[in-house]
């Protein structure tokens, strides 16, 4: 079971909302909207995706990493490395 399983429906709702934002961006470009307006919406969609990513990361650390650490062994070290790599990807983006 994944850390986000309890909030799966909320995540899906948020992702569908973001999908709608992206479709709105496509329409804006098709309709030759003002550049700054498009950029403003790109920024909003980016922030929304970042918020989802941070929440997923929090769920992962609180569930998957915490469980692995309590169990111990090589899996614990692997989960910590995995979380660190995910954080590094988020920081780079």
Protein backbone atom coordinates (compact mmCIF):
# COMPACT_ATOMS: atom_id res chain seq x y z
CA UNK A 1 0.00 0.00 0.00
CA UNK A 2 1.31 3.44 -0.92
CA UNK A 3 1.48 6.40 1.45
CA UNK A 4 -1.03 8.39 -0.59
CA UNK A 5 -3.65 5.60 -0.69
CA UNK A 6 -5.78 7.19 2.02
CA UNK A 7 -5.92 10.46 0.06
CA UNK A 8 -6.05 8.93 -3.41
CA UNK A 9 -9.37 10.54 -4.33
CA UNK A 10 -8.17 13.98 -3.21
CA UNK A 11 -5.01 13.60 -5.30
CA UNK A 12 -7.02 12.54 -8.34
CA UNK A 13 -9.32 15.55 -7.90
CA UNK A 14 -6.35 17.92 -7.69
CA UNK A 15 -4.69 16.34 -10.73
CA UNK A 16 -7.92 16.61 -12.74
CA UNK A 17 -8.11 20.29 -11.80
CA UNK A 18 -4.55 20.76 -13.02
CA UNK A 19 -5.42 18.89 -16.20
CA UNK A 20 -8.21 21.42 -16.71
CA UNK A 21 -5.71 24.25 -16.22
CA UNK A 22 -3.50 22.74 -18.92
CA UNK A 23 -6.44 22.44 -21.32
CA UNK A 24 -7.21 26.09 -20.56
CA UNK A 25 -3.62 26.98 -21.45
CA UNK A 26 -3.98 25.17 -24.76
CA UNK A 27 -7.13 27.17 -25.51
CA UNK A 28 -5.40 30.40 -24.59
CA UNK A 29 -2.60 29.69 -27.05
CA UNK A 30 -5.08 28.59 -29.75
CA UNK A 31 -6.98 31.87 -29.24
CA UNK A 32 -3.78 33.98 -29.28
CA UNK A 33 -4.12 35.19 -25.68
CA UNK A 34 -1.75 37.83 -24.40
CA UNK A 35 1.67 36.34 -23.52
CA UNK A 36 1.67 37.57 -19.93
CA UNK A 37 -1.76 36.04 -19.32
CA UNK A 38 -0.54 32.68 -20.63
CA UNK A 39 2.61 32.91 -18.51
CA UNK A 40 0.52 33.71 -15.43
CA UNK A 41 -1.53 30.55 -15.99
CA UNK A 42 1.61 28.47 -16.63
CA UNK A 43 2.94 29.69 -13.29
CA UNK A 44 -0.30 28.74 -11.54
CA UNK A 45 -0.27 25.24 -13.06
CA UNK A 46 3.38 24.80 -12.11
CA UNK A 47 2.69 25.80 -8.50
CA UNK A 48 -0.26 23.41 -8.37
CA UNK A 49 1.91 20.51 -9.59
CA UNK A 50 4.64 21.43 -7.12
CA UNK A 51 2.11 21.39 -4.29
CA UNK A 52 0.96 17.90 -5.30
CA UNK A 53 4.58 16.74 -5.50
CA UNK A 54 5.37 18.07 -2.03
CA UNK A 55 2.29 16.43 -0.55
CA UNK A 56 3.18 13.11 -2.21
CA UNK A 57 6.72 13.40 -0.88
CA UNK A 58 5.40 14.06 2.62
CA UNK A 59 3.13 11.02 2.37
CA UNK A 60 6.03 8.90 1.10
CA UNK A 61 8.32 9.92 3.95
CA UNK A 62 5.59 9.56 6.56
CA UNK A 63 4.50 6.15 5.37
CA UNK A 64 6.96 4.27 3.17
CA UNK A 65 10.21 5.64 4.60
CA UNK A 66 8.98 5.55 8.20
CA UNK A 67 7.83 1.92 7.82
CA UNK A 68 11.14 0.89 6.25
CA UNK A 69 13.12 2.60 9.01
CA UNK A 70 11.08 0.90 11.73
CA UNK A 71 11.71 -2.45 10.03
CA UNK A 72 15.39 -1.66 9.54
CA UNK A 73 17.85 -3.40 7.28
CA UNK A 74 18.91 -2.54 3.74
CA UNK A 75 15.39 -1.53 2.73
CA UNK A 76 15.52 1.38 5.18
CA UNK A 77 18.70 2.72 3.64
CA UNK A 78 17.25 2.28 0.14
CA UNK A 79 14.06 4.18 1.03
CA UNK A 80 16.05 7.08 2.49
CA UNK A 81 18.20 7.24 -0.67
CA UNK A 82 15.08 7.09 -2.80
CA UNK A 83 13.49 9.98 -0.88
CA UNK A 84 16.70 12.01 -1.11
CA UNK A 85 16.78 11.48 -4.88
CA UNK A 86 13.15 12.58 -5.16
CA UNK A 87 13.89 15.73 -3.16
CA UNK A 88 16.88 16.46 -5.42
CA UNK A 89 14.66 16.13 -8.51
CA UNK A 90 12.10 18.51 -7.03
CA UNK A 91 14.75 21.06 -6.12
CA UNK A 92 16.19 20.97 -9.64
CA UNK A 93 12.82 21.48 -11.31
